[in-house]
Amino acid sequence: MEGEDYGYAAFFETVDTLVTGCGTYDKVLTLGGWPHGPKHCIVMKQRAATAISNEEFYSGNPSNLVKQLTRGSKTHQRRRRCGDP
């Protein structure tokens, strides 16, 4: 159905931090703005970049990032990747 978000907005409200790859991040920027508002966002990116909102850039080991995020989460101890059931 046109305009239906199928529960995405409600789900996204429960997400503490969005982690995205540099390709997705770069593509989103070409679409005309940052759609995630003040949501904390970590971009896996090797090259330098300038944040346009509340994002930060991470070039370390992804496993270490997951440990840091899980340890720092006050509301959730779960992780979900796009496409996971």
PDB file of N, CA and C in Angstrom:
ATOM      1  N   MET A   1       0.827  -1.174   0.000  1.00  0.00           N
ATOM      2  CA  MET A   1       0.000   0.000   0.000  1.00  0.00           C
ATOM      3  C   MET A   1       0.879   1.248   0.000  1.00  0.00           C
ATOM      4  N   GLU A   2       0.517   2.217  -0.793  1.00  0.00           N
ATOM      5  CA  GLU A   2       1.268   3.472  -0.893  1.00  0.00           C
ATOM      6  C   GLU A   2       1.289   4.187   0.454  1.00  0.00           C
ATOM      7  N   GLY A   3       2.486   4.567   0.903  1.00  0.00           N
ATOM      8  CA  GLY A   3       2.621   5.325   2.144  1.00  0.00           C
ATOM      9  C   GLY A   3       2.660   4.492   3.413  1.00  0.00           C
ATOM     10  N   GLU A   4       2.422   3.207   3.338  1.00  0.00           N
ATOM     11  CA  GLU A   4       2.438   2.336   4.524  1.00  0.00           C
ATOM     12  C   GLU A   4       3.870   2.050   4.933  1.00  0.00           C
ATOM     13  N   ASP A   5       4.164   2.146   6.226  1.00  0.00           N
ATOM     14  CA  ASP A   5       5.536   1.864   6.678  1.00  0.00           C
ATOM     15  C   ASP A   5       5.664   0.485   7.322  1.00  0.00           C
ATOM     16  N   TYR A   6       4.561  -0.250   7.442  1.00  0.00           N
ATOM     17  CA  TYR A   6       4.567  -1.629   7.936  1.00  0.00           C
ATOM     18  C   TYR A   6       5.235  -1.765   9.307  1.00  0.00           C
ATOM     19  N   GLY A   7       5.084  -0.764  10.141  1.00  0.00           N
ATOM     20  CA  GLY A   7       5.617  -0.816  11.497  1.00  0.00           C
ATOM     21  C   GLY A   7       7.037  -0.320  11.648  1.00  0.00           C
ATOM     22  N   TYR A   8       7.631   0.169  10.556  1.00  0.00           N
ATOM     23  CA  TYR A   8       9.025   0.605  10.624  1.00  0.00           C
ATOM     24  C   TYR A   8       9.221   1.756  11.609  1.00  0.00           C
ATOM     25  N   ALA A   9       8.356   2.740  11.589  1.00  0.00           N
ATOM     26  CA  ALA A   9       8.511   3.900  12.483  1.00  0.00           C
ATOM     27  C   ALA A   9       8.476   3.467  13.940  1.00  0.00           C
ATOM     28  N   ALA A  10       7.550   2.584  14.290  1.00  0.00           N
ATOM     29  CA  ALA A  10       7.458   2.089  15.669  1.00  0.00           C
ATOM     30  C   ALA A  10       8.714   1.300  16.041  1.00  0.00           C
ATOM     31  N   PHE A  11       9.182   0.452  15.128  1.00  0.00           N
ATOM     32  CA  PHE A  11      10.411  -0.298  15.381  1.00  0.00           C
ATOM     33  C   PHE A  11      11.598   0.641  15.572  1.00  0.00           C
ATOM     34  N   PHE A  12      11.729   1.638  14.688  1.00  0.00           N
ATOM     35  CA  PHE A  12      12.889   2.527  14.722  1.00  0.00           C
ATOM     36  C   PHE A  12      12.928   3.344  16.009  1.00  0.00           C
ATOM     37  N   GLU A  13      11.777   3.605  16.615  1.00  0.00           N
ATOM     38  CA  GLU A  13      11.737   4.304  17.904  1.00  0.00           C
ATOM     39  C   GLU A  13      12.431   3.499  18.997  1.00  0.00           C
ATOM     40  N   THR A  14      12.495   2.173  18.857  1.00  0.00           N
ATOM     41  CA  THR A  14      13.118   1.319  19.876  1.00  0.00           C
ATOM     42  C   THR A  14      14.620   1.171  19.679  1.00  0.00           C
ATOM     43  N   VAL A  15      15.152   1.717  18.596  1.00  0.00           N
ATOM     44  CA  VAL A  15      16.570   1.576  18.265  1.00  0.00           C
ATOM     45  C   VAL A  15      17.370   2.695  18.934  1.00  0.00           C
ATOM     46  N   ASP A  16      18.386   2.301  19.714  1.00  0.00           N
ATOM     47  CA  ASP A  16      19.254   3.281  20.375  1.00  0.00           C
ATOM     48  C   ASP A  16      20.233   3.915  19.385  1.00  0.00           C
ATOM     49  N   THR A  17      20.856   3.059  18.589  1.00  0.00           N
ATOM     50  CA  THR A  17      21.925   3.494  17.691  1.00  0.00           C
ATOM     51  C   THR A  17      21.780   2.793  16.354  1.00  0.00           C
ATOM     52  N   LEU A  18      21.893   3.552  15.288  1.00  0.00           N
ATOM     53  CA  LEU A  18      21.883   3.012  13.941  1.00  0.00           C
ATOM     54  C   LEU A  18      23.328   2.847  13.496  1.00  0.00           C
ATOM     55  N   VAL A  19      23.677   1.663  13.019  1.00  0.00           N
ATOM     56  CA  VAL A  19      25.013   1.430  12.466  1.00  0.00           C
ATOM     57  C   VAL A  19      24.822   1.133  10.984  1.00  0.00           C
ATOM     58  N   THR A  20      25.545   1.869  10.156  1.00  0.00           N
ATOM     59  CA  THR A  20      25.398   1.709   8.713  1.00  0.00           C
ATOM     60  C   THR A  20      26.769   1.693   8.038  1.00  0.00           C
ATOM     61  N   GLY A  21      26.810   1.130   6.878  1.00  0.00           N
ATOM     62  CA  GLY A  21      28.042   1.120   6.105  1.00  0.00           C
ATOM     63  C   GLY A  21      28.207   2.418   5.330  1.00  0.00           C
ATOM     64  N   CYS A  22      29.405   2.637   4.835  1.00  0.00           N
ATOM     65  CA  CYS A  22      29.694   3.897   4.144  1.00  0.00           C
ATOM     66  C   CYS A  22      28.948   4.008   2.816  1.00  0.00           C
ATOM     67  N   GLY A  23      28.720   2.896   2.131  1.00  0.00           N
ATOM     68  CA  GLY A  23      28.001   2.954   0.863  1.00  0.00           C
ATOM     69  C   GLY A  23      26.564   3.411   1.055  1.00  0.00           C
ATOM     70  N   THR A  24      25.896   2.861   2.066  1.00  0.00           N
ATOM     71  CA  THR A  24      24.527   3.268   2.370  1.00  0.00           C
ATOM     72  C   THR A  24      24.496   4.720   2.815  1.00  0.00           C
ATOM     73  N   TYR A  25      25.424   5.101   3.672  1.00  0.00           N
ATOM     74  CA  TYR A  25      25.508   6.475   4.163  1.00  0.00           C
ATOM     75  C   TYR A  25      25.688   7.453   2.998  1.00  0.00           C
ATOM     76  N   ASP A  26      26.639   7.163   2.130  1.00  0.00           N
ATOM     77  CA  ASP A  26      26.893   8.046   0.987  1.00  0.00           C
ATOM     78  C   ASP A  26      25.668   8.157   0.080  1.00  0.00           C
ATOM     79  N   LYS A  27      24.965   7.043  -0.145  1.00  0.00           N
ATOM     80  CA  LYS A  27      23.765   7.055  -0.984  1.00  0.00           C
ATOM     81  C   LYS A  27      22.667   7.897  -0.346  1.00  0.00           C
ATOM     82  N   VAL A  28      22.440   7.724   0.965  1.00  0.00           N
ATOM     83  CA  VAL A  28      21.408   8.498   1.657  1.00  0.00           C
ATOM     84  C   VAL A  28      21.671   9.991   1.512  1.00  0.00           C
ATOM     85  N   LEU A  29      22.922  10.389   1.586  1.00  0.00           N
ATOM     86  CA  LEU A  29      23.250  11.812   1.458  1.00  0.00           C
ATOM     87  C   LEU A  29      22.895  12.372   0.087  1.00  0.00           C
ATOM     88  N   THR A  30      22.897  11.530  -0.943  1.00  0.00           N
ATOM     89  CA  THR A  30      22.542  12.002  -2.288  1.00  0.00           C
ATOM     90  C   THR A  30      21.037  12.183  -2.453  1.00  0.00           C
ATOM     91  N   LEU A  31      20.245  11.692  -1.510  1.00  0.00           N
ATOM     92  CA  LEU A  31      18.788  11.756  -1.616  1.00  0.00           C
ATOM     93  C   LEU A  31      18.204  13.045  -1.041  1.00  0.00           C
ATOM     94  N   GLY A  32      19.075  13.917  -0.552  1.00  0.00           N
ATOM     95  CA  GLY A  32      18.588  15.220  -0.129  1.00  0.00           C
ATOM     96  C   GLY A  32      18.365  15.395   1.352  1.00  0.00           C
ATOM     97  N   GLY A  33      19.302  15.052   2.148  1.00  0.00           N
ATOM     98  CA  GLY A  33      19.168  15.304   3.583  1.00  0.00           C
ATOM     99  C   GLY A  33      19.365  14.058   4.415  1.00  0.00           C
ATOM    100  N   TRP A  34      19.336  14.263   5.702  1.00  0.00           N
ATOM    101  CA  TRP A  34      19.568  13.179   6.657  1.00  0.00           C
ATOM    102  C   TRP A  34      18.218  12.766   7.237  1.00  0.00           C
ATOM    103  N   PRO A  35      17.734  11.562   6.943  1.00  0.00           N
ATOM    104  CA  PRO A  35      16.388  11.168   7.346  1.00  0.00           C
ATOM    105  C   PRO A  35      16.254  10.680   8.796  1.00  0.00           C
ATOM    106  N   HIS A  36      17.350  10.566   9.515  1.00  0.00           N
ATOM    107  CA  HIS A  36      17.298   9.940  10.835  1.00  0.00           C
ATOM    108  C   HIS A  36      17.287  10.933  11.987  1.00  0.00           C
ATOM    109  N   GLY A  37      17.173  12.208  11.677  1.00  0.00           N
ATOM    110  CA  GLY A  37      17.076  13.228  12.716  1.00  0.00           C
ATOM    111  C   GLY A  37      18.204  13.139  13.728  1.00  0.00           C
ATOM    112  N   PRO A  38      17.871  13.273  15.014  1.00  0.00           N
ATOM    113  CA  PRO A  38      18.911  13.269  16.043  1.00  0.00           C
ATOM    114  C   PRO A  38      19.342  11.871  16.498  1.00  0.00           C
ATOM    115  N   LYS A  39      18.825  10.813  15.866  1.00  0.00           N
ATOM    116  CA  LYS A  39      19.181   9.437  16.249  1.00  0.00           C
ATOM    117  C   LYS A  39      20.698   9.257  16.165  1.00  0.00           C
ATOM    118  N   HIS A  40      21.283   8.652  17.198  1.00  0.00           N
ATOM    119  CA  HIS A  40      22.723   8.372  17.193  1.00  0.00           C
ATOM    120  C   HIS A  40      23.019   7.399  16.059  1.00  0.00           C
ATOM    121  N   CYS A  41      23.969   7.735  15.223  1.00  0.00           N
ATOM    122  CA  CYS A  41      24.306   6.922  14.059  1.00  0.00           C
ATOM    123  C   CYS A  41      25.815   6.758  13.975  1.00  0.00           C
ATOM    124  N   ILE A  42      26.246   5.526  13.777  1.00  0.00           N
ATOM    125  CA  ILE A  42      27.662   5.235  13.577  1.00  0.00           C
ATOM    126  C   ILE A  42      27.823   4.728  12.152  1.00  0.00           C
ATOM    127  N   VAL A  43      28.737   5.354  11.429  1.00  0.00           N
ATOM    128  CA  VAL A  43      28.997   4.991  10.045  1.00  0.00           C
ATOM    129  C   VAL A  43      30.334   4.275   9.982  1.00  0.00           C
ATOM    130  N   MET A  44      30.324   3.044   9.463  1.00  0.00           N
ATOM    131  CA  MET A  44      31.557   2.285   9.272  1.00  0.00           C
ATOM    132  C   MET A  44      32.238   2.866   8.035  1.00  0.00           C
ATOM    133  N   LYS A  45      33.305   3.628   8.260  1.00  0.00           N
ATOM    134  CA  LYS A  45      33.911   4.371   7.149  1.00  0.00           C
ATOM    135  C   LYS A  45      35.407   4.504   7.383  1.00  0.00           C
ATOM    136  N   GLN A  46      36.192   4.160   6.406  1.00  0.00           N
ATOM    137  CA  GLN A  46      37.648   4.232   6.517  1.00  0.00           C
ATOM    138  C   GLN A  46      38.200   5.622   6.230  1.00  0.00           C
ATOM    139  N   ARG A  47      37.551   6.339   5.337  1.00  0.00           N
ATOM    140  CA  ARG A  47      38.068   7.659   4.964  1.00  0.00           C
ATOM    141  C   ARG A  47      37.385   8.761   5.777  1.00  0.00           C
ATOM    142  N   ALA A  48      38.045   9.879   5.872  1.00  0.00           N
ATOM    143  CA  ALA A  48      37.526  11.006   6.654  1.00  0.00           C
ATOM    144  C   ALA A  48      36.229  11.536   6.044  1.00  0.00           C
ATOM    145  N   ALA A  49      35.347  12.018   6.911  1.00  0.00           N
ATOM    146  CA  ALA A  49      34.083  12.593   6.468  1.00  0.00           C
ATOM    147  C   ALA A  49      33.642  13.636   7.485  1.00  0.00           C
ATOM    148  N   THR A  50      32.732  14.480   7.058  1.00  0.00           N
ATOM    149  CA  THR A  50      32.187  15.511   7.931  1.00  0.00           C
ATOM    150  C   THR A  50      30.753  15.157   8.274  1.00  0.00           C
ATOM    151  N   ALA A  51      30.443  15.114   9.553  1.00  0.00           N
ATOM    152  CA  ALA A  51      29.089  14.801   9.991  1.00  0.00           C
ATOM    153  C   ALA A  51      28.145  15.944   9.638  1.00  0.00           C
ATOM    154  N   ILE A  52      26.922  15.593   9.239  1.00  0.00           N
ATOM    155  CA  ILE A  52      25.925  16.618   8.954  1.00  0.00           C
ATOM    156  C   ILE A  52      24.820  16.637  10.006  1.00  0.00           C
ATOM    157  N   SER A  53      24.827  15.654  10.881  1.00  0.00           N
ATOM    158  CA  SER A  53      23.820  15.583  11.939  1.00  0.00           C
ATOM    159  C   SER A  53      24.484  15.008  13.183  1.00  0.00           C
ATOM    160  N   ASN A  54      23.933  13.921  13.702  1.00  0.00           N
ATOM    161  CA  ASN A  54      24.421  13.321  14.944  1.00  0.00           C
ATOM    162  C   ASN A  54      25.228  12.048  14.684  1.00  0.00           C
ATOM    163  N   GLU A  55      25.773  11.904  13.490  1.00  0.00           N
ATOM    164  CA  GLU A  55      26.511  10.683  13.183  1.00  0.00           C
ATOM    165  C   GLU A  55      27.979  10.807  13.576  1.00  0.00           C
ATOM    166  N   GLU A  56      28.586   9.659  13.816  1.00  0.00           N
ATOM    167  CA  GLU A  56      30.024   9.598  14.057  1.00  0.00           C
ATOM    168  C   GLU A  56      30.584   8.508  13.157  1.00  0.00           C
ATOM    169  N   PHE A  57      31.877   8.552  12.938  1.00  0.00           N
ATOM    170  CA  PHE A  57      32.507   7.633  11.999  1.00  0.00           C
ATOM    171  C   PHE A  57      33.417   6.680  12.752  1.00  0.00           C
ATOM    172  N   TYR A  58      33.380   5.412  12.361  1.00  0.00           N
ATOM    173  CA  TYR A  58      34.121   4.362  13.051  1.00  0.00           C
ATOM    174  C   TYR A  58      34.867   3.542  12.023  1.00  0.00           C
ATOM    175  N   SER A  59      36.158   3.352  12.249  1.00  0.00           N
ATOM    176  CA  SER A  59      36.952   2.568  11.295  1.00  0.00           C
ATOM    177  C   SER A  59      37.615   1.367  11.953  1.00  0.00           C
ATOM    178  N   GLY A  60      37.203   1.051  13.167  1.00  0.00           N
ATOM    179  CA  GLY A  60      37.803  -0.071  13.890  1.00  0.00           C
ATOM    180  C   GLY A  60      37.143  -1.399  13.565  1.00  0.00           C
ATOM    181  N   ASN A  61      37.425  -2.367  14.407  1.00  0.00           N
ATOM    182  CA  ASN A  61      36.901  -3.713  14.269  1.00  0.00           C
ATOM    183  C   ASN A  61      35.408  -3.731  14.595  1.00  0.00           C
ATOM    184  N   PRO A  62      34.561  -4.245  13.692  1.00  0.00           N
ATOM    185  CA  PRO A  62      33.118  -4.282  13.955  1.00  0.00           C
ATOM    186  C   PRO A  62      32.748  -5.048  15.230  1.00  0.00           C
ATOM    187  N   SER A  63      33.472  -6.118  15.530  1.00  0.00           N
ATOM    188  CA  SER A  63      33.182  -6.876  16.755  1.00  0.00           C
ATOM    189  C   SER A  63      33.387  -6.024  17.996  1.00  0.00           C
ATOM    190  N   ASN A  64      34.421  -5.209  17.997  1.00  0.00           N
ATOM    191  CA  ASN A  64      34.660  -4.316  19.130  1.00  0.00           C
ATOM    192  C   ASN A  64      33.549  -3.275  19.248  1.00  0.00           C
ATOM    193  N   LEU A  65      33.071  -2.786  18.136  1.00  0.00           N
ATOM    194  CA  LEU A  65      31.985  -1.818  18.155  1.00  0.00           C
ATOM    195  C   LEU A  65      30.728  -2.437  18.765  1.00  0.00           C
ATOM    196  N   VAL A  66      30.404  -3.655  18.367  1.00  0.00           N
ATOM    197  CA  VAL A  66      29.227  -4.333  18.916  1.00  0.00           C
ATOM    198  C   VAL A  66      29.363  -4.488  20.426  1.00  0.00           C
ATOM    199  N   LYS A  67      30.543  -4.860  20.895  1.00  0.00           N
ATOM    200  CA  LYS A  67      30.760  -4.992  22.341  1.00  0.00           C
ATOM    201  C   LYS A  67      30.559  -3.663  23.050  1.00  0.00           C
ATOM    202  N   GLN A  68      31.091  -2.597  22.484  1.00  0.00           N
ATOM    203  CA  GLN A  68      30.944  -1.268  23.085  1.00  0.00           C
ATOM    204  C   GLN A  68      29.477  -0.854  23.139  1.00  0.00           C
ATOM    205  N   LEU A  69      28.760  -1.068  22.064  1.00  0.00           N
ATOM    206  CA  LEU A  69      27.358  -0.673  22.010  1.00  0.00           C
ATOM    207  C   LEU A  69      26.498  -1.489  22.966  1.00  0.00           C
ATOM    208  N   THR A  70      26.748  -2.781  23.025  1.00  0.00           N
ATOM    209  CA  THR A  70      25.984  -3.645  23.918  1.00  0.00           C
ATOM    210  C   THR A  70      26.240  -3.275  25.370  1.00  0.00           C
ATOM    211  N   ARG A  71      27.472  -3.007  25.703  1.00  0.00           N
ATOM    212  CA  ARG A  71      27.838  -2.630  27.064  1.00  0.00           C
ATOM    213  C   ARG A  71      27.218  -1.287  27.436  1.00  0.00           C
ATOM    214  N   GLY A  72      27.088  -0.369  26.481  1.00  0.00           N
ATOM    215  CA  GLY A  72      26.588   0.963  26.766  1.00  0.00           C
ATOM    216  C   GLY A  72      25.082   1.111  26.662  1.00  0.00           C
ATOM    217  N   SER A  73      24.375   0.080  26.201  1.00  0.00           N
ATOM    218  CA  SER A  73      22.937   0.192  26.014  1.00  0.00           C
ATOM    219  C   SER A  73      22.208   0.118  27.343  1.00  0.00           C
ATOM    220  N   LYS A  74      21.337   1.082  27.584  1.00  0.00           N
ATOM    221  CA  LYS A  74      20.556   1.094  28.819  1.00  0.00           C
ATOM    222  C   LYS A  74      19.197   0.425  28.622  1.00  0.00           C
ATOM    223  N   THR A  75      18.727   0.371  27.391  1.00  0.00           N
ATOM    224  CA  THR A  75      17.382  -0.142  27.170  1.00  0.00           C
ATOM    225  C   THR A  75      17.328  -1.478  26.441  1.00  0.00           C
ATOM    226  N   HIS A  76      18.344  -1.792  25.670  1.00  0.00           N
ATOM    227  CA  HIS A  76      18.279  -3.018  24.864  1.00  0.00           C
ATOM    228  C   HIS A  76      19.610  -3.767  24.914  1.00  0.00           C
ATOM    229  N   GLN A  77      19.513  -5.052  24.960  1.00  0.00           N
ATOM    230  CA  GLN A  77      20.685  -5.905  24.857  1.00  0.00           C
ATOM    231  C   GLN A  77      20.539  -6.774  23.612  1.00  0.00           C
ATOM    232  N   ARG A  78      19.989  -6.229  22.576  1.00  0.00           N
ATOM    233  CA  ARG A  78      19.791  -6.989  21.346  1.00  0.00           C
ATOM    234  C   ARG A  78      20.357  -6.223  20.172  1.00  0.00           C
ATOM    235  N   ARG A  79      20.646  -6.950  19.134  1.00  0.00           N
ATOM    236  CA  ARG A  79      21.135  -6.347  17.904  1.00  0.00           C
ATOM    237  C   ARG A  79      20.269  -6.873  16.774  1.00  0.00           C
ATOM    238  N   ARG A  80      20.046  -6.068  15.790  1.00  0.00           N
ATOM    239  CA  ARG A  80      19.271  -6.496  14.634  1.00  0.00           C
ATOM    240  C   ARG A  80      19.876  -5.884  13.389  1.00  0.00           C
ATOM    241  N   ARG A  81      20.095  -6.706  12.405  1.00  0.00           N
ATOM    242  CA  ARG A  81      20.576  -6.207  11.120  1.00  0.00           C
ATOM    243  C   ARG A  81      19.392  -6.158  10.169  1.00  0.00           C
ATOM    244  N   CYS A  82      19.461  -5.239   9.251  1.00  0.00           N
ATOM    245  CA  CYS A  82      18.418  -5.134   8.238  1.00  0.00           C
ATOM    246  C   CYS A  82      18.337  -6.473   7.496  1.00  0.00           C
ATOM    247  N   GLY A  83      17.160  -7.025   7.396  1.00  0.00           N
ATOM    248  CA  GLY A  83      16.974  -8.295   6.715  1.00  0.00           C
ATOM    249  C   GLY A  83      16.913  -9.480   7.658  1.00  0.00           C
ATOM    250  N   ASP A  84      17.278  -9.312   8.931  1.00  0.00           N
ATOM    251  CA  ASP A  84      17.168 -10.408   9.895  1.00  0.00           C
ATOM    252  C   ASP A  84      15.697 -10.672  10.201  1.00  0.00           C
ATOM    253  N   PRO A  85      15.353 -11.927  10.476  1.00  0.00           N
ATOM    254  CA  PRO A  85      13.943 -12.229  10.825  1.00  0.00           C
ATOM    255  C   PRO A  85      13.587 -11.679  12.191  1.00  0.00           C
TER     256      PRO A  85
END
